[in-house]
Amino acid sequence: MILGLSTSAVWQQVRALEVKLDESLIRRRGRTVETTAAGRMLLELAQPHVAGLHDHEGTTIYVSRGTGYWGPPMRVAAAPEITRIELVNT
């Protein structure tokens, strides 16, 4: 259970969003899932900094994919890790 949500509750929320958008966001294959083109587009709009170095309002940020990352850039009910690196010239 992540953030107090059961797997069933997360899937119900995903399905409700798919119905509202009239789009399939996730393709289920047995015990694995992958995002569809519509799911990846929504992910980019909702979470633009998935991984790597980015400029955000004049500040450079690095977003880590986390340990054991694989597959499409998708996180269900988990925020990405954001590292702030401050370089100081001494």
C-alpha atoms as a PDB file:
ATOM      1  CA  MET A   1       0.000   0.000   0.000  1.00  0.00           C
ATOM      2  CA  ILE A   2       1.460   3.371  -1.071  1.00  0.00           C
ATOM      3  CA  LEU A   3       0.289   6.582   0.591  1.00  0.00           C
ATOM      4  CA  GLY A   4      -2.549   4.660   2.202  1.00  0.00           C
ATOM      5  CA  LEU A   5      -3.971   3.609  -1.188  1.00  0.00           C
ATOM      6  CA  SER A   6      -4.576   0.009  -2.101  1.00  0.00           C
ATOM      7  CA  THR A   7      -3.656  -1.275  -5.555  1.00  0.00           C
ATOM      8  CA  SER A   8      -7.361  -1.573  -6.284  1.00  0.00           C
ATOM      9  CA  ALA A   9      -7.962   2.078  -5.356  1.00  0.00           C
ATOM     10  CA  VAL A  10      -5.139   3.241  -7.640  1.00  0.00           C
ATOM     11  CA  TRP A  11      -6.479   1.190 -10.548  1.00  0.00           C
ATOM     12  CA  GLN A  12      -9.985   2.546  -9.952  1.00  0.00           C
ATOM     13  CA  GLN A  13      -8.615   6.092 -10.186  1.00  0.00           C
ATOM     14  CA  VAL A  14      -6.694   5.286 -13.367  1.00  0.00           C
ATOM     15  CA  ARG A  15      -9.765   3.675 -14.924  1.00  0.00           C
ATOM     16  CA  ALA A  16     -11.980   6.649 -13.960  1.00  0.00           C
ATOM     17  CA  LEU A  17      -9.489   8.994 -15.648  1.00  0.00           C
ATOM     18  CA  GLU A  18      -9.426   6.794 -18.766  1.00  0.00           C
ATOM     19  CA  VAL A  19     -13.236   6.919 -18.929  1.00  0.00           C
ATOM     20  CA  LYS A  20     -13.308  10.693 -18.429  1.00  0.00           C
ATOM     21  CA  LEU A  21     -10.701  11.243 -21.155  1.00  0.00           C
ATOM     22  CA  ASP A  22     -12.121   8.501 -23.390  1.00  0.00           C
ATOM     23  CA  GLU A  23      -8.552   7.247 -23.853  1.00  0.00           C
ATOM     24  CA  SER A  24      -6.631   4.189 -22.762  1.00  0.00           C
ATOM     25  CA  LEU A  25      -3.695   5.427 -20.662  1.00  0.00           C
ATOM     26  CA  ILE A  26      -2.168   2.129 -19.578  1.00  0.00           C
ATOM     27  CA  ARG A  27      -1.936  -1.183 -21.388  1.00  0.00           C
ATOM     28  CA  ARG A  28      -2.161  -4.123 -19.018  1.00  0.00           C
ATOM     29  CA  ARG A  29      -0.357  -7.346 -19.928  1.00  0.00           C
ATOM     30  CA  GLY A  30      -0.543  -9.977 -17.248  1.00  0.00           C
ATOM     31  CA  ARG A  31       1.370  -8.648 -14.280  1.00  0.00           C
ATOM     32  CA  THR A  32       3.040  -5.830 -16.215  1.00  0.00           C
ATOM     33  CA  VAL A  33       1.782  -2.481 -17.464  1.00  0.00           C
ATOM     34  CA  GLU A  34       3.009   0.009 -20.026  1.00  0.00           C
ATOM     35  CA  THR A  35       1.824   3.488 -20.890  1.00  0.00           C
ATOM     36  CA  THR A  36       0.044   4.132 -24.170  1.00  0.00           C
ATOM     37  CA  ALA A  37       0.851   7.151 -26.352  1.00  0.00           C
ATOM     38  CA  ALA A  38      -2.002   9.036 -24.639  1.00  0.00           C
ATOM     39  CA  GLY A  39      -0.660   7.982 -21.228  1.00  0.00           C
ATOM     40  CA  ARG A  40       2.835   9.247 -22.064  1.00  0.00           C
ATOM     41  CA  MET A  41       1.409  12.557 -23.294  1.00  0.00           C
ATOM     42  CA  LEU A  42      -0.590  12.990 -20.091  1.00  0.00           C
ATOM     43  CA  LEU A  43       2.470  12.087 -18.024  1.00  0.00           C
ATOM     44  CA  GLU A  44       4.585  14.724 -19.794  1.00  0.00           C
ATOM     45  CA  LEU A  45       1.905  17.365 -19.184  1.00  0.00           C
ATOM     46  CA  ALA A  46       1.371  16.415 -15.551  1.00  0.00           C
ATOM     47  CA  GLN A  47       4.966  15.627 -14.643  1.00  0.00           C
ATOM     48  CA  PRO A  48       7.344  17.382 -17.055  1.00  0.00           C
ATOM     49  CA  HIS A  49      10.535  16.606 -15.126  1.00  0.00           C
ATOM     50  CA  VAL A  50      10.661  12.805 -15.154  1.00  0.00           C
ATOM     51  CA  ALA A  51      14.422  12.336 -15.240  1.00  0.00           C
ATOM     52  CA  GLY A  52      17.654  14.182 -15.938  1.00  0.00           C
ATOM     53  CA  LEU A  53      18.751  17.831 -15.832  1.00  0.00           C
ATOM     54  CA  HIS A  54      16.133  20.528 -16.367  1.00  0.00           C
ATOM     55  CA  ASP A  55      15.851  24.286 -16.112  1.00  0.00           C
ATOM     56  CA  HIS A  56      12.903  25.280 -13.950  1.00  0.00           C
ATOM     57  CA  GLU A  57      12.295  29.012 -13.634  1.00  0.00           C
ATOM     58  CA  GLY A  58      16.024  29.777 -13.829  1.00  0.00           C
ATOM     59  CA  THR A  59      17.053  26.987 -11.461  1.00  0.00           C
ATOM     60  CA  THR A  60      18.748  23.840 -12.734  1.00  0.00           C
ATOM     61  CA  ILE A  61      17.274  20.702 -11.209  1.00  0.00           C
ATOM     62  CA  TYR A  62      18.230  17.052 -11.548  1.00  0.00           C
ATOM     63  CA  VAL A  63      15.474  14.446 -11.258  1.00  0.00           C
ATOM     64  CA  SER A  64      16.564  10.907 -10.404  1.00  0.00           C
ATOM     65  CA  ARG A  65      14.601   7.963 -11.767  1.00  0.00           C
ATOM     66  CA  GLY A  66      15.386   6.084  -8.587  1.00  0.00           C
ATOM     67  CA  THR A  67      16.997   2.751  -7.919  1.00  0.00           C
ATOM     68  CA  GLY A  68      15.890  -0.137 -10.084  1.00  0.00           C
ATOM     69  CA  TYR A  69      14.194   2.008 -12.714  1.00  0.00           C
ATOM     70  CA  TRP A  70      13.027   0.213 -15.844  1.00  0.00           C
ATOM     71  CA  GLY A  71      10.408   0.590 -18.565  1.00  0.00           C
ATOM     72  CA  PRO A  72       8.486   3.716 -19.491  1.00  0.00           C
ATOM     73  CA  PRO A  73       8.826   6.769 -17.266  1.00  0.00           C
ATOM     74  CA  MET A  74       5.815   5.998 -15.114  1.00  0.00           C
ATOM     75  CA  ARG A  75       5.289   6.274 -11.392  1.00  0.00           C
ATOM     76  CA  VAL A  76       1.967   5.398  -9.807  1.00  0.00           C
ATOM     77  CA  ALA A  77       1.271   7.253  -6.552  1.00  0.00           C
ATOM     78  CA  ALA A  78       4.952   8.078  -6.073  1.00  0.00           C
ATOM     79  CA  ALA A  79       6.589  11.451  -6.513  1.00  0.00           C
ATOM     80  CA  PRO A  80       9.897  11.612  -8.407  1.00  0.00           C
ATOM     81  CA  GLU A  81      13.034  12.178  -6.397  1.00  0.00           C
ATOM     82  CA  ILE A  82      14.377  15.677  -6.923  1.00  0.00           C
ATOM     83  CA  THR A  83      17.953  16.491  -5.932  1.00  0.00           C
ATOM     84  CA  ARG A  84      19.083  20.055  -5.450  1.00  0.00           C
ATOM     85  CA  ILE A  85      22.772  20.422  -6.206  1.00  0.00           C
ATOM     86  CA  GLU A  86      24.315  23.699  -5.170  1.00  0.00           C
ATOM     87  CA  LEU A  87      27.769  24.456  -6.556  1.00  0.00           C
ATOM     88  CA  VAL A  88      29.826  26.920  -4.586  1.00  0.00           C
ATOM     89  CA  ASN A  89      33.063  28.437  -5.868  1.00  0.00           C
ATOM     90  CA  THR A  90      35.557  28.567  -2.998  1.00  0.00           C
END
